[in-house]
Amino acid sequence: QVQLVESGGGLVQTGGSLTLACAASGPITQYNTMSWHRQTPGKQREFVVSSPFGGKTAYAESVAGRVTVSRGIRTINLRMDSLKPEDTALYYCKLLHDGRVYWGQGTQVTVSD
């Protein structure tokens, strides 16, 4: 059974940095896409970055230039710099593999001003 576990969220001041990590366990191959999404109360979950293993990463306009993505076959790390209060959200890791979608439980990022 495929499972995702996220870590790395926390409280940071405006202008600070955080690195979120997500690791997948279970039977998966290199033919997968991992991504990060975020959600704030009362709003829909929104796309942050998407990275197919061995492929080109896509970025939301709101974070482009402030984030760095690193991939392993089973992992995706998201380093976020120059954080802003509007980056405060629950961040979710997503895995697309073999036609199925898996979500992690989420990790909270709070940016204080």
Protein backbone atom coordinates (compact mmCIF):
# COMPACT_ATOMS: atom_id res chain seq x y z
CA GLN A 1 0.00 0.00 0.00
CA VAL A 2 1.34 3.40 -0.98
CA GLN A 3 1.61 6.00 1.76
CA LEU A 4 3.02 9.51 1.89
CA VAL A 5 4.58 11.11 4.92
CA GLU A 6 5.34 14.82 5.05
CA SER A 7 7.58 16.69 7.45
CA GLY A 8 9.33 20.00 7.89
CA GLY A 9 6.50 22.43 8.52
CA GLY A 10 6.62 24.95 11.30
CA LEU A 11 6.54 28.58 12.34
CA VAL A 12 8.89 31.02 10.62
CA GLN A 13 9.20 34.79 10.38
CA THR A 14 8.58 36.73 7.20
CA GLY A 15 11.62 36.45 4.96
CA GLY A 16 12.69 33.15 6.48
CA SER A 17 13.09 29.72 4.93
CA LEU A 18 11.69 26.24 5.41
CA THR A 19 12.20 22.91 3.72
CA LEU A 20 9.31 20.50 3.43
CA ALA A 21 9.98 16.83 2.81
CA CYS A 22 7.73 14.09 1.53
CA ALA A 23 8.55 10.42 1.29
CA ALA A 24 6.51 7.68 -0.34
CA SER A 25 6.50 4.10 0.83
CA GLY A 26 5.05 1.07 -0.90
CA PRO A 27 5.23 -0.34 -4.42
CA ILE A 28 6.01 2.53 -6.77
CA THR A 29 8.32 2.91 -9.76
CA GLN A 30 10.26 5.86 -11.15
CA TYR A 31 7.33 6.67 -13.44
CA ASN A 32 5.60 9.00 -11.07
CA THR A 33 4.89 12.63 -10.49
CA MET A 34 5.06 14.18 -7.06
CA SER A 35 3.73 17.57 -6.22
CA TRP A 36 2.96 20.00 -3.42
CA HIS A 37 -0.33 21.75 -2.88
CA ARG A 38 -1.57 24.00 -0.11
CA GLN A 39 -4.81 24.96 1.49
CA THR A 40 -6.04 27.62 3.88
CA PRO A 41 -9.34 27.49 5.77
CA GLY A 42 -12.33 28.25 3.59
CA LYS A 43 -10.37 28.06 0.35
CA GLN A 44 -9.76 25.38 -2.24
CA ARG A 45 -6.53 23.47 -2.28
CA GLU A 46 -4.11 25.14 -4.69
CA PHE A 47 -1.19 23.93 -6.73
CA VAL A 48 2.33 24.88 -5.64
CA VAL A 49 4.82 22.75 -7.61
CA SER A 50 4.72 19.57 -9.67
CA SER A 51 7.71 17.42 -10.54
CA PRO A 52 7.74 14.25 -12.62
CA PHE A 53 10.78 12.13 -11.75
CA GLY A 54 13.44 12.91 -14.32
CA GLY A 55 11.29 15.60 -15.87
CA LYS A 56 10.71 19.32 -15.71
CA THR A 57 9.24 20.92 -12.62
CA ALA A 58 6.29 23.28 -12.90
CA TYR A 59 5.77 26.13 -10.46
CA ALA A 60 2.81 28.22 -9.42
CA GLU A 61 3.33 31.88 -10.24
CA SER A 62 2.91 32.74 -6.56
CA VAL A 63 6.06 30.81 -5.57
CA ALA A 64 8.21 30.87 -8.73
CA GLY A 65 11.67 32.16 -7.95
CA ARG A 66 11.32 31.55 -4.22
CA VAL A 67 11.28 27.75 -4.11
CA THR A 68 13.64 24.94 -5.00
CA VAL A 69 12.50 21.38 -5.64
CA SER A 70 14.61 18.27 -5.32
CA ARG A 71 13.43 14.81 -6.32
CA GLY A 72 14.31 11.24 -5.61
CA ILE A 73 12.32 8.33 -6.95
CA ARG A 74 10.30 8.28 -3.72
CA THR A 75 10.84 11.74 -2.37
CA ILE A 76 10.18 15.36 -3.07
CA ASN A 77 11.64 18.19 -1.05
CA LEU A 78 10.45 21.76 -1.28
CA ARG A 79 12.72 24.48 -0.02
CA MET A 80 10.91 27.78 0.37
CA ASP A 81 12.79 31.05 0.74
CA SER A 82 11.67 34.63 1.28
CA LEU A 83 8.51 33.37 2.93
CA LYS A 84 5.52 35.69 3.19
CA PRO A 85 2.48 35.63 5.48
CA GLU A 86 0.38 34.63 2.47
CA ASP A 87 2.40 31.40 2.27
CA THR A 88 0.75 30.31 5.52
CA ALA A 89 -1.19 27.13 4.77
CA LEU A 90 -1.46 23.42 5.27
CA TYR A 91 0.87 21.90 2.71
CA TYR A 92 0.01 18.55 1.15
CA CYS A 93 2.20 16.18 -0.80
CA LYS A 94 0.60 14.34 -3.73
CA LEU A 95 1.77 11.33 -5.71
CA LEU A 96 0.46 10.36 -9.13
CA HIS A 97 1.48 6.85 -10.02
CA ASP A 98 0.01 4.17 -12.26
CA GLY A 99 -3.17 6.15 -12.71
CA ARG A 100 -3.76 6.57 -9.01
CA VAL A 101 -3.54 9.60 -6.78
CA TYR A 102 -2.27 9.55 -3.23
CA TRP A 103 -2.20 12.36 -0.68
CA GLY A 104 -0.24 12.87 2.50
CA GLN A 105 -1.76 14.08 5.72
CA GLY A 106 -0.40 17.62 5.41
CA THR A 107 2.15 19.71 7.26
CA GLN A 108 1.41 23.20 8.57
CA VAL A 109 3.48 26.20 7.55
CA THR A 110 2.87 29.44 9.42
CA VAL A 111 4.66 32.64 8.47
CA SER A 112 4.45 35.43 11.03
CA ASP A 113 4.72 39.10 10.06
